[in-house]
Amino acid sequence: AGTLKAGSWLVLLAPPWEAWTTRVDNDSCRWS
């Protein structure tokens, strides 16, 4: 987000909304 110029779009691709909270987060291995 800090690399974006004024007028930019940041598009976040996410799992299906209702299932997102139950999906495993592969990034969690980095900090858990």
PDB file of all heavy atoms in Angstrom:
ATOM      1  N   ALA A   1       0.832  -1.208   0.000  1.00  0.00           N
ATOM      2  CA  ALA A   1       0.000   0.000   0.000  1.00  0.00           C
ATOM      3  C   ALA A   1       0.868   1.260   0.000  1.00  0.00           C
ATOM      4  O   ALA A   1       0.517   2.258  -0.626  1.00  0.00           O
ATOM      5  CB  ALA A   1      -0.940  -0.005   1.202  1.00  0.00           C
ATOM      6  N   GLY A   2       2.015   1.189   0.663  1.00  0.00           N
ATOM      7  CA  GLY A   2       2.913   2.333   0.721  1.00  0.00           C
ATOM      8  C   GLY A   2       3.639   2.622  -0.579  1.00  0.00           C
ATOM      9  O   GLY A   2       4.270   3.668  -0.713  1.00  0.00           O
ATOM     10  N   THR A   3       3.571   1.723  -1.549  1.00  0.00           N
ATOM     11  CA  THR A   3       4.241   1.958  -2.831  1.00  0.00           C
ATOM     12  C   THR A   3       3.314   2.588  -3.871  1.00  0.00           C
ATOM     13  O   THR A   3       3.763   2.897  -4.975  1.00  0.00           O
ATOM     14  CB  THR A   3       4.793   0.645  -3.434  1.00  0.00           C
ATOM     15  OG1 THR A   3       3.707  -0.192  -3.828  1.00  0.00           O
ATOM     16  CG2 THR A   3       5.714  -0.069  -2.474  1.00  0.00           C
ATOM     17  N   LEU A   4       2.042   2.781  -3.516  1.00  0.00           N
ATOM     18  CA  LEU A   4       1.066   3.242  -4.507  1.00  0.00           C
ATOM     19  C   LEU A   4       0.974   4.761  -4.590  1.00  0.00           C
ATOM     20  O   LEU A   4       0.964   5.450  -3.577  1.00  0.00           O
ATOM     21  CB  LEU A   4      -0.310   2.652  -4.203  1.00  0.00           C
ATOM     22  CG  LEU A   4      -0.383   1.134  -4.293  1.00  0.00           C
ATOM     23  CD1 LEU A   4      -1.772   0.656  -3.918  1.00  0.00           C
ATOM     24  CD2 LEU A   4       0.010   0.648  -5.668  1.00  0.00           C
ATOM     25  N   LYS A   5       0.868   5.240  -5.819  1.00  0.00           N
ATOM     26  CA  LYS A   5       0.731   6.675  -6.087  1.00  0.00           C
ATOM     27  C   LYS A   5      -0.702   7.116  -5.817  1.00  0.00           C
ATOM     28  O   LYS A   5      -1.622   6.310  -5.781  1.00  0.00           O
ATOM     29  CB  LYS A   5       1.038   6.966  -7.557  1.00  0.00           C
ATOM     30  CG  LYS A   5       2.417   6.591  -8.003  1.00  0.00           C
ATOM     31  CD  LYS A   5       2.543   6.808  -9.501  1.00  0.00           C
ATOM     32  CE  LYS A   5       3.865   6.271 -10.005  1.00  0.00           C
ATOM     33  NZ  LYS A   5       3.969   6.359 -11.465  1.00  0.00           N
ATOM     34  N   ALA A   6      -0.881   8.415  -5.681  1.00  0.00           N
ATOM     35  CA  ALA A   6      -2.229   8.970  -5.566  1.00  0.00           C
ATOM     36  C   ALA A   6      -3.007   8.603  -6.822  1.00  0.00           C
ATOM     37  O   ALA A   6      -2.478   8.655  -7.928  1.00  0.00           O
ATOM     38  CB  ALA A   6      -2.168  10.482  -5.412  1.00  0.00           C
ATOM     39  N   GLY A   7      -4.261   8.184  -6.628  1.00  0.00           N
ATOM     40  CA  GLY A   7      -5.088   7.771  -7.750  1.00  0.00           C
ATOM     41  C   GLY A   7      -5.041   6.284  -8.018  1.00  0.00           C
ATOM     42  O   GLY A   7      -5.636   5.805  -8.978  1.00  0.00           O
ATOM     43  N   SER A   8      -4.368   5.535  -7.169  1.00  0.00           N
ATOM     44  CA  SER A   8      -4.165   4.098  -7.385  1.00  0.00           C
ATOM     45  C   SER A   8      -5.276   3.250  -6.801  1.00  0.00           C
ATOM     46  O   SER A   8      -5.931   3.627  -5.832  1.00  0.00           O
ATOM     47  CB  SER A   8      -2.858   3.645  -6.729  1.00  0.00           C
ATOM     48  OG  SER A   8      -1.759   4.288  -7.293  1.00  0.00           O
ATOM     49  N   TRP A   9      -5.415   2.064  -7.394  1.00  0.00           N
ATOM     50  CA  TRP A   9      -6.274   1.012  -6.855  1.00  0.00           C
ATOM     51  C   TRP A   9      -5.389  -0.087  -6.285  1.00  0.00           C
ATOM     52  O   TRP A   9      -4.434  -0.516  -6.923  1.00  0.00           O
ATOM     53  CB  TRP A   9      -7.152   0.400  -7.951  1.00  0.00           C
ATOM     54  CG  TRP A   9      -8.342   1.234  -8.273  1.00  0.00           C
ATOM     55  CD1 TRP A   9      -8.472   2.080  -9.334  1.00  0.00           C
ATOM     56  CD2 TRP A   9      -9.563   1.311  -7.545  1.00  0.00           C
ATOM     57  NE1 TRP A   9      -9.706   2.680  -9.301  1.00  0.00           N
ATOM     58  CE2 TRP A   9     -10.396   2.223  -8.212  1.00  0.00           C
ATOM     59  CE3 TRP A   9     -10.028   0.701  -6.380  1.00  0.00           C
ATOM     60  CZ2 TRP A   9     -11.669   2.536  -7.763  1.00  0.00           C
ATOM     61  CZ3 TRP A   9     -11.300   1.008  -5.928  1.00  0.00           C
ATOM     62  CH2 TRP A   9     -12.109   1.925  -6.615  1.00  0.00           C
ATOM     63  N   LEU A  10      -5.719  -0.532  -5.088  1.00  0.00           N
ATOM     64  CA  LEU A  10      -5.112  -1.714  -4.496  1.00  0.00           C
ATOM     65  C   LEU A  10      -6.206  -2.769  -4.481  1.00  0.00           C
ATOM     66  O   LEU A  10      -7.245  -2.599  -3.836  1.00  0.00           O
ATOM     67  CB  LEU A  10      -4.608  -1.437  -3.077  1.00  0.00           C
ATOM     68  CG  LEU A  10      -4.052  -2.618  -2.290  1.00  0.00           C
ATOM     69  CD1 LEU A  10      -2.995  -3.387  -3.066  1.00  0.00           C
ATOM     70  CD2 LEU A  10      -3.495  -2.145  -0.959  1.00  0.00           C
ATOM     71  N   VAL A  11      -6.007  -3.841  -5.222  1.00  0.00           N
ATOM     72  CA  VAL A  11      -6.996  -4.905  -5.350  1.00  0.00           C
ATOM     73  C   VAL A  11      -6.554  -6.073  -4.479  1.00  0.00           C
ATOM     74  O   VAL A  11      -5.456  -6.602  -4.664  1.00  0.00           O
ATOM     75  CB  VAL A  11      -7.149  -5.342  -6.825  1.00  0.00           C
ATOM     76  CG1 VAL A  11      -8.158  -6.468  -6.946  1.00  0.00           C
ATOM     77  CG2 VAL A  11      -7.545  -4.144  -7.698  1.00  0.00           C
ATOM     78  N   LEU A  12      -7.394  -6.428  -3.528  1.00  0.00           N
ATOM     79  CA  LEU A  12      -7.114  -7.547  -2.626  1.00  0.00           C
ATOM     80  C   LEU A  12      -7.938  -8.743  -3.072  1.00  0.00           C
ATOM     81  O   LEU A  12      -9.170  -8.673  -3.105  1.00  0.00           O
ATOM     82  CB  LEU A  12      -7.472  -7.168  -1.188  1.00  0.00           C
ATOM     83  CG  LEU A  12      -7.379  -8.283  -0.142  1.00  0.00           C
ATOM     84  CD1 LEU A  12      -5.945  -8.752   0.029  1.00  0.00           C
ATOM     85  CD2 LEU A  12      -7.947  -7.814   1.183  1.00  0.00           C
ATOM     86  N   LEU A  13      -7.276  -9.839  -3.424  1.00  0.00           N
ATOM     87  CA  LEU A  13      -7.964 -11.070  -3.795  1.00  0.00           C
ATOM     88  C   LEU A  13      -8.132 -11.915  -2.543  1.00  0.00           C
ATOM     89  O   LEU A  13      -7.146 -12.230  -1.865  1.00  0.00           O
ATOM     90  CB  LEU A  13      -7.170 -11.848  -4.843  1.00  0.00           C
ATOM     91  CG  LEU A  13      -6.776 -11.090  -6.109  1.00  0.00           C
ATOM     92  CD1 LEU A  13      -6.095 -12.030  -7.093  1.00  0.00           C
ATOM     93  CD2 LEU A  13      -7.968 -10.405  -6.746  1.00  0.00           C
ATOM     94  N   ALA A  14      -9.373 -12.254  -2.230  1.00  0.00           N
ATOM     95  CA  ALA A  14      -9.681 -12.989  -1.007  1.00  0.00           C
ATOM     96  C   ALA A  14     -10.516 -14.221  -1.327  1.00  0.00           C
ATOM     97  O   ALA A  14     -11.226 -14.257  -2.332  1.00  0.00           O
ATOM     98  CB  ALA A  14     -10.444 -12.084  -0.038  1.00  0.00           C
ATOM     99  N   PRO A  15     -10.457 -15.220  -0.445  1.00  0.00           N
ATOM    100  CA  PRO A  15     -11.323 -16.395  -0.615  1.00  0.00           C
ATOM    101  C   PRO A  15     -12.797 -15.982  -0.540  1.00  0.00           C
ATOM    102  O   PRO A  15     -13.107 -14.849  -0.167  1.00  0.00           O
ATOM    103  CB  PRO A  15     -10.960 -17.285   0.576  1.00  0.00           C
ATOM    104  CG  PRO A  15      -9.651 -16.789   1.067  1.00  0.00           C
ATOM    105  CD  PRO A  15      -9.605 -15.330   0.739  1.00  0.00           C
ATOM    106  N   PRO A  16     -13.707 -16.899  -0.842  1.00  0.00           N
ATOM    107  CA  PRO A  16     -15.126 -16.582  -0.682  1.00  0.00           C
ATOM    108  C   PRO A  16     -15.400 -16.020   0.719  1.00  0.00           C
ATOM    109  O   PRO A  16     -14.902 -16.544   1.722  1.00  0.00           O
ATOM    110  CB  PRO A  16     -15.823 -17.926  -0.893  1.00  0.00           C
ATOM    111  CG  PRO A  16     -14.885 -18.677  -1.796  1.00  0.00           C
ATOM    112  CD  PRO A  16     -13.509 -18.255  -1.354  1.00  0.00           C
ATOM    113  N   TRP A  17     -16.165 -14.952   0.784  1.00  0.00           N
ATOM    114  CA  TRP A  17     -16.365 -14.161   2.006  1.00  0.00           C
ATOM    115  C   TRP A  17     -16.766 -15.010   3.202  1.00  0.00           C
ATOM    116  O   TRP A  17     -16.174 -14.901   4.278  1.00  0.00           O
ATOM    117  CB  TRP A  17     -17.417 -13.075   1.740  1.00  0.00           C
ATOM    118  CG  TRP A  17     -17.443 -12.008   2.760  1.00  0.00           C
ATOM    119  CD1 TRP A  17     -18.308 -11.905   3.816  1.00  0.00           C
ATOM    120  CD2 TRP A  17     -16.587 -10.864   2.841  1.00  0.00           C
ATOM    121  NE1 TRP A  17     -18.045 -10.765   4.540  1.00  0.00           N
ATOM    122  CE2 TRP A  17     -16.989 -10.112   3.959  1.00  0.00           C
ATOM    123  CE3 TRP A  17     -15.528 -10.404   2.075  1.00  0.00           C
ATOM    124  CZ2 TRP A  17     -16.377  -8.921   4.316  1.00  0.00           C
ATOM    125  CZ3 TRP A  17     -14.923  -9.218   2.447  1.00  0.00           C
ATOM    126  CH2 TRP A  17     -15.336  -8.492   3.552  1.00  0.00           C
ATOM    127  N   GLU A  18     -17.802 -15.814   3.059  1.00  0.00           N
ATOM    128  CA  GLU A  18     -18.322 -16.593   4.193  1.00  0.00           C
ATOM    129  C   GLU A  18     -17.352 -17.681   4.644  1.00  0.00           C
ATOM    130  O   GLU A  18     -17.361 -18.082   5.804  1.00  0.00           O
ATOM    131  CB  GLU A  18     -19.680 -17.198   3.839  1.00  0.00           C
ATOM    132  CG  GLU A  18     -20.752 -16.164   3.517  1.00  0.00           C
ATOM    133  CD  GLU A  18     -21.001 -15.162   4.633  1.00  0.00           C
ATOM    134  OE1 GLU A  18     -20.908 -15.534   5.823  1.00  0.00           O
ATOM    135  OE2 GLU A  18     -21.270 -13.984   4.314  1.00  0.00           O
ATOM    136  N   ALA A  19     -16.507 -18.171   3.754  1.00  0.00           N
ATOM    137  CA  ALA A  19     -15.580 -19.256   4.099  1.00  0.00           C
ATOM    138  C   ALA A  19     -14.210 -18.739   4.537  1.00  0.00           C
ATOM    139  O   ALA A  19     -13.400 -19.510   5.058  1.00  0.00           O
ATOM    140  CB  ALA A  19     -15.409 -20.193   2.900  1.00  0.00           C
ATOM    141  N   TRP A  20     -13.940 -17.459   4.335  1.00  0.00           N
ATOM    142  CA  TRP A  20     -12.602 -16.921   4.574  1.00  0.00           C
ATOM    143  C   TRP A  20     -12.126 -17.158   5.998  1.00  0.00           C
ATOM    144  O   TRP A  20     -10.961 -17.489   6.236  1.00  0.00           O
ATOM    145  CB  TRP A  20     -12.573 -15.441   4.213  1.00  0.00           C
ATOM    146  CG  TRP A  20     -11.218 -14.823   4.115  1.00  0.00           C
ATOM    147  CD1 TRP A  20     -10.003 -15.430   4.202  1.00  0.00           C
ATOM    148  CD2 TRP A  20     -10.943 -13.440   3.880  1.00  0.00           C
ATOM    149  NE1 TRP A  20      -8.988 -14.511   4.044  1.00  0.00           N
ATOM    150  CE2 TRP A  20      -9.542 -13.276   3.846  1.00  0.00           C
ATOM    151  CE3 TRP A  20     -11.739 -12.317   3.700  1.00  0.00           C
ATOM    152  CZ2 TRP A  20      -8.932 -12.046   3.641  1.00  0.00           C
ATOM    153  CZ3 TRP A  20     -11.131 -11.090   3.492  1.00  0.00           C
ATOM    154  CH2 TRP A  20      -9.741 -10.961   3.464  1.00  0.00           C
ATOM    155  N   THR A  21     -13.004 -16.990   6.973  1.00  0.00           N
ATOM    156  CA  THR A  21     -12.576 -17.133   8.374  1.00  0.00           C
ATOM    157  C   THR A  21     -12.192 -18.562   8.729  1.00  0.00           C
ATOM    158  O   THR A  21     -11.474 -18.790   9.703  1.00  0.00           O
ATOM    159  CB  THR A  21     -13.681 -16.664   9.342  1.00  0.00           C
ATOM    160  OG1 THR A  21     -14.860 -17.420   9.091  1.00  0.00           O
ATOM    161  CG2 THR A  21     -13.951 -15.177   9.194  1.00  0.00           C
ATOM    162  N   THR A  22     -12.666 -19.537   7.956  1.00  0.00           N
ATOM    163  CA  THR A  22     -12.366 -20.934   8.267  1.00  0.00           C
ATOM    164  C   THR A  22     -11.190 -21.485   7.472  1.00  0.00           C
ATOM    165  O   THR A  22     -10.710 -22.580   7.759  1.00  0.00           O
ATOM    166  CB  THR A  22     -13.601 -21.827   7.984  1.00  0.00           C
ATOM    167  OG1 THR A  22     -13.905 -21.763   6.596  1.00  0.00           O
ATOM    168  CG2 THR A  22     -14.791 -21.381   8.812  1.00  0.00           C
ATOM    169  N   ARG A  23     -10.710 -20.746   6.502  1.00  0.00           N
ATOM    170  CA  ARG A  23      -9.605 -21.217   5.653  1.00  0.00           C
ATOM    171  C   ARG A  23      -8.290 -21.126   6.414  1.00  0.00           C
ATOM    172  O   ARG A  23      -8.049 -20.181   7.155  1.00  0.00           O
ATOM    173  CB  ARG A  23      -9.489 -20.358   4.389  1.00  0.00           C
ATOM    174  CG  ARG A  23     -10.718 -20.326   3.533  1.00  0.00           C
ATOM    175  CD  ARG A  23     -10.843 -21.452   2.531  1.00  0.00           C
ATOM    176  NE  ARG A  23      -9.959 -21.512   1.426  1.00  0.00           N
ATOM    177  CZ  ARG A  23     -10.170 -20.959   0.244  1.00  0.00           C
ATOM    178  NH1 ARG A  23     -11.219 -20.213   0.029  1.00  0.00           N
ATOM    179  NH2 ARG A  23      -9.315 -21.138  -0.727  1.00  0.00           N
ATOM    180  N   VAL A  24      -7.401 -22.097   6.179  1.00  0.00           N
ATOM    181  CA  VAL A  24      -6.072 -21.996   6.786  1.00  0.00           C
ATOM    182  C   VAL A  24      -5.306 -20.881   6.084  1.00  0.00           C
ATOM    183  O   VAL A  24      -5.498 -20.629   4.892  1.00  0.00           O
ATOM    184  CB  VAL A  24      -5.281 -23.322   6.712  1.00  0.00           C
ATOM    185  CG1 VAL A  24      -5.943 -24.385   7.540  1.00  0.00           C
ATOM    186  CG2 VAL A  24      -5.057 -23.763   5.306  1.00  0.00           C
ATOM    187  N   ASP A  25      -4.481 -20.211   6.840  1.00  0.00           N
ATOM    188  CA  ASP A  25      -3.685 -19.097   6.342  1.00  0.00           C
ATOM    189  C   ASP A  25      -2.241 -19.580   6.213  1.00  0.00           C
ATOM    190  O   ASP A  25      -1.567 -19.779   7.225  1.00  0.00           O
ATOM    191  CB  ASP A  25      -3.790 -17.922   7.313  1.00  0.00           C
ATOM    192  CG  ASP A  25      -3.099 -16.670   6.834  1.00  0.00           C
ATOM    193  OD1 ASP A  25      -2.136 -16.768   6.037  1.00  0.00           O
ATOM    194  OD2 ASP A  25      -3.501 -15.578   7.266  1.00  0.00           O
ATOM    195  N   ASN A  26      -1.782 -19.781   4.994  1.00  0.00           N
ATOM    196  CA  ASN A  26      -0.421 -20.293   4.792  1.00  0.00           C
ATOM    197  C   ASN A  26       0.638 -19.358   5.342  1.00  0.00           C
ATOM    198  O   ASN A  26       1.755 -19.791   5.637  1.00  0.00           O
ATOM    199  CB  ASN A  26      -0.176 -20.585   3.315  1.00  0.00           C
ATOM    200  CG  ASN A  26      -0.944 -21.796   2.847  1.00  0.00           C
ATOM    201  OD1 ASN A  26      -1.183 -22.719   3.616  1.00  0.00           O
ATOM    202  ND2 ASN A  26      -1.354 -21.797   1.599  1.00  0.00           N
ATOM    203  N   ASP A  27       0.322 -18.080   5.510  1.00  0.00           N
ATOM    204  CA  ASP A  27       1.286 -17.145   6.096  1.00  0.00           C
ATOM    205  C   ASP A  27       1.442 -17.363   7.600  1.00  0.00           C
ATOM    206  O   ASP A  27       2.416 -16.911   8.187  1.00  0.00           O
ATOM    207  CB  ASP A  27       0.882 -15.699   5.800  1.00  0.00           C
ATOM    208  CG  ASP A  27       1.907 -14.715   6.297  1.00  0.00           C
ATOM    209  OD1 ASP A  27       3.072 -14.783   5.840  1.00  0.00           O
ATOM    210  OD2 ASP A  27       1.579 -13.893   7.177  1.00  0.00           O
ATOM    211  N   SER A  28       0.507 -18.058   8.231  1.00  0.00           N
ATOM    212  CA  SER A  28       0.567 -18.239   9.684  1.00  0.00           C
ATOM    213  C   SER A  28       1.807 -19.009  10.134  1.00  0.00           C
ATOM    214  O   SER A  28       2.258 -18.832  11.266  1.00  0.00           O
ATOM    215  CB  SER A  28      -0.702 -18.950  10.189  1.00  0.00           C
ATOM    216  OG  SER A  28      -0.771 -20.267   9.666  1.00  0.00           O
ATOM    217  N   CYS A  29       2.389 -19.813   9.275  1.00  0.00           N
ATOM    218  CA  CYS A  29       3.612 -20.543   9.639  1.00  0.00           C
ATOM    219  C   CYS A  29       4.768 -19.587   9.919  1.00  0.00           C
ATOM    220  O   CYS A  29       5.695 -19.927  10.653  1.00  0.00           O
ATOM    221  CB  CYS A  29       4.010 -21.518   8.528  1.00  0.00           C
ATOM    222  SG  CYS A  29       2.880 -22.889   8.350  1.00  0.00           S
ATOM    223  N   ARG A  30       4.710 -18.400   9.337  1.00  0.00           N
ATOM    224  CA  ARG A  30       5.767 -17.420   9.508  1.00  0.00           C
ATOM    225  C   ARG A  30       5.810 -16.879  10.930  1.00  0.00           C
ATOM    226  O   ARG A  30       6.869 -16.528  11.450  1.00  0.00           O
ATOM    227  CB  ARG A  30       5.543 -16.273   8.499  1.00  0.00           C
ATOM    228  CG  ARG A  30       6.608 -15.220   8.457  1.00  0.00           C
ATOM    229  CD  ARG A  30       6.333 -14.211   7.347  1.00  0.00           C
ATOM    230  NE  ARG A  30       5.018 -13.599   7.431  1.00  0.00           N
ATOM    231  CZ  ARG A  30       4.722 -12.545   8.181  1.00  0.00           C
ATOM    232  NH1 ARG A  30       5.642 -11.981   8.919  1.00  0.00           N
ATOM    233  NH2 ARG A  30       3.506 -12.052   8.186  1.00  0.00           N
ATOM    234  N   TRP A  31       4.656 -16.806  11.604  1.00  0.00           N
ATOM    235  CA  TRP A  31       4.614 -16.163  12.912  1.00  0.00           C
ATOM    236  C   TRP A  31       4.028 -17.017  14.033  1.00  0.00           C
ATOM    237  O   TRP A  31       4.124 -16.654  15.196  1.00  0.00           O
ATOM    238  CB  TRP A  31       3.849 -14.843  12.838  1.00  0.00           C
ATOM    239  CG  TRP A  31       2.505 -14.965  12.185  1.00  0.00           C
ATOM    240  CD1 TRP A  31       2.211 -14.673  10.883  1.00  0.00           C
ATOM    241  CD2 TRP A  31       1.289 -15.426  12.771  1.00  0.00           C
ATOM    242  NE1 TRP A  31       0.892 -14.932  10.624  1.00  0.00           N
ATOM    243  CE2 TRP A  31       0.302 -15.392  11.766  1.00  0.00           C
ATOM    244  CE3 TRP A  31       0.932 -15.863  14.043  1.00  0.00           C
ATOM    245  CZ2 TRP A  31      -1.017 -15.774  11.991  1.00  0.00           C
ATOM    246  CZ3 TRP A  31      -0.383 -16.247  14.269  1.00  0.00           C
ATOM    247  CH2 TRP A  31      -1.334 -16.192  13.255  1.00  0.00           C
ATOM    248  N   SER A  32       3.393 -18.153  13.716  1.00  0.00           N
ATOM    249  CA  SER A  32       2.783 -18.954  14.786  1.00  0.00           C
ATOM    250  C   SER A  32       3.746 -20.049  15.256  1.00  0.00           C
ATOM    251  O   SER A  32       4.745 -20.335  14.613  1.00  0.00           O
ATOM    252  CB  SER A  32       1.469 -19.578  14.309  1.00  0.00           C
ATOM    253  OG  SER A  32       1.721 -20.684  13.473  1.00  0.00           O
TER     254      SER A  32
END
